[in-house]
């Protein structure tokens, strides 16, 4: 058995690694914003996008922990030679922080070509954000919903532009519990994560529909901004840090998990692949279209979630 495992190991690893982004697209003169890029697949995504082209993109790492962000940015600058990798403070669990971030970003940056909503929390004990939202829903969905709303005009003016939402296969286990969005009646940390990832898929679907606009007398009212969601795979990262059992299992079975670099491939693919220039409202895994759960294809739920999200955040997004 040990011999067989030794022989099979390279093939197992190749299977676990999944699809790779083969695009050689260059990002000269582009501005990329990635949330939570100080660690894990976000950091790996930032590293890849920072080295695409002789005069590379301006890559902005938006994260809560500035010290960790600066350490990641310094490492990426040294590895890629791209000195335009910068860090800006953003706490997705606080709408005040999100608004302050967006205000500073729009004052300092003239364009935004790629927005990757990557940051997330998983398996948190019951807690709420600064605004009273359940933590998974607040950070994974509402925080990115508000950030996208505040930066959308900049994306439109910079078009063609892309919005990439990192969701998960876990969306298959989720449902939007409008009667108990913040888990005050019942709460399960695993299901809360699934619910938030389903919200990511539904948000992407409705956002893409709205961005496409309609045709009036042969003229399109749509934008050249696309929005797609993705499942990065099961990645060995600190995302499971809130669960002792999952952290323990992740260490034991790390050989069967993707590395952050492997997990970042579909995010990179959605951000740069030329064949996705006009593709929007889709869900990808291993750099190819993937199956979306029936709940993730429910347009009525997507519209209702949009309306409820706007109400919770106190915004009007028509």
Foldseek 3Di string as FASTA:
>chain_A
DVVVCVVCLVVLLVVLLFAFQPDLFAAAPAEEEEEPCLWFLSLLLQLVQQQRDPRGYQYEYEYADVVSQVVSQVVSCVVRVRPNYYYDYADLLDVVRLVVRLVVCVVPDQAHAEYEHPDAAALADFDHGPLRATRRQRRLPLSVVSNCVSCVVRNQVRPPHEYEREAAPLLQLEACPVVCRRQPVHDDRHRNNNNSSLLSLLLQQVVQVVQQADADPNDTPHTQYAYEYEHLFFELTCNVVNDPVVPVVCVVVVSSHHYSNSSNRLVNLRGGPPVCSPPHSFYYYSNHGDDDHPNSVDNVVSVVSSVVSCVSVVHDDD
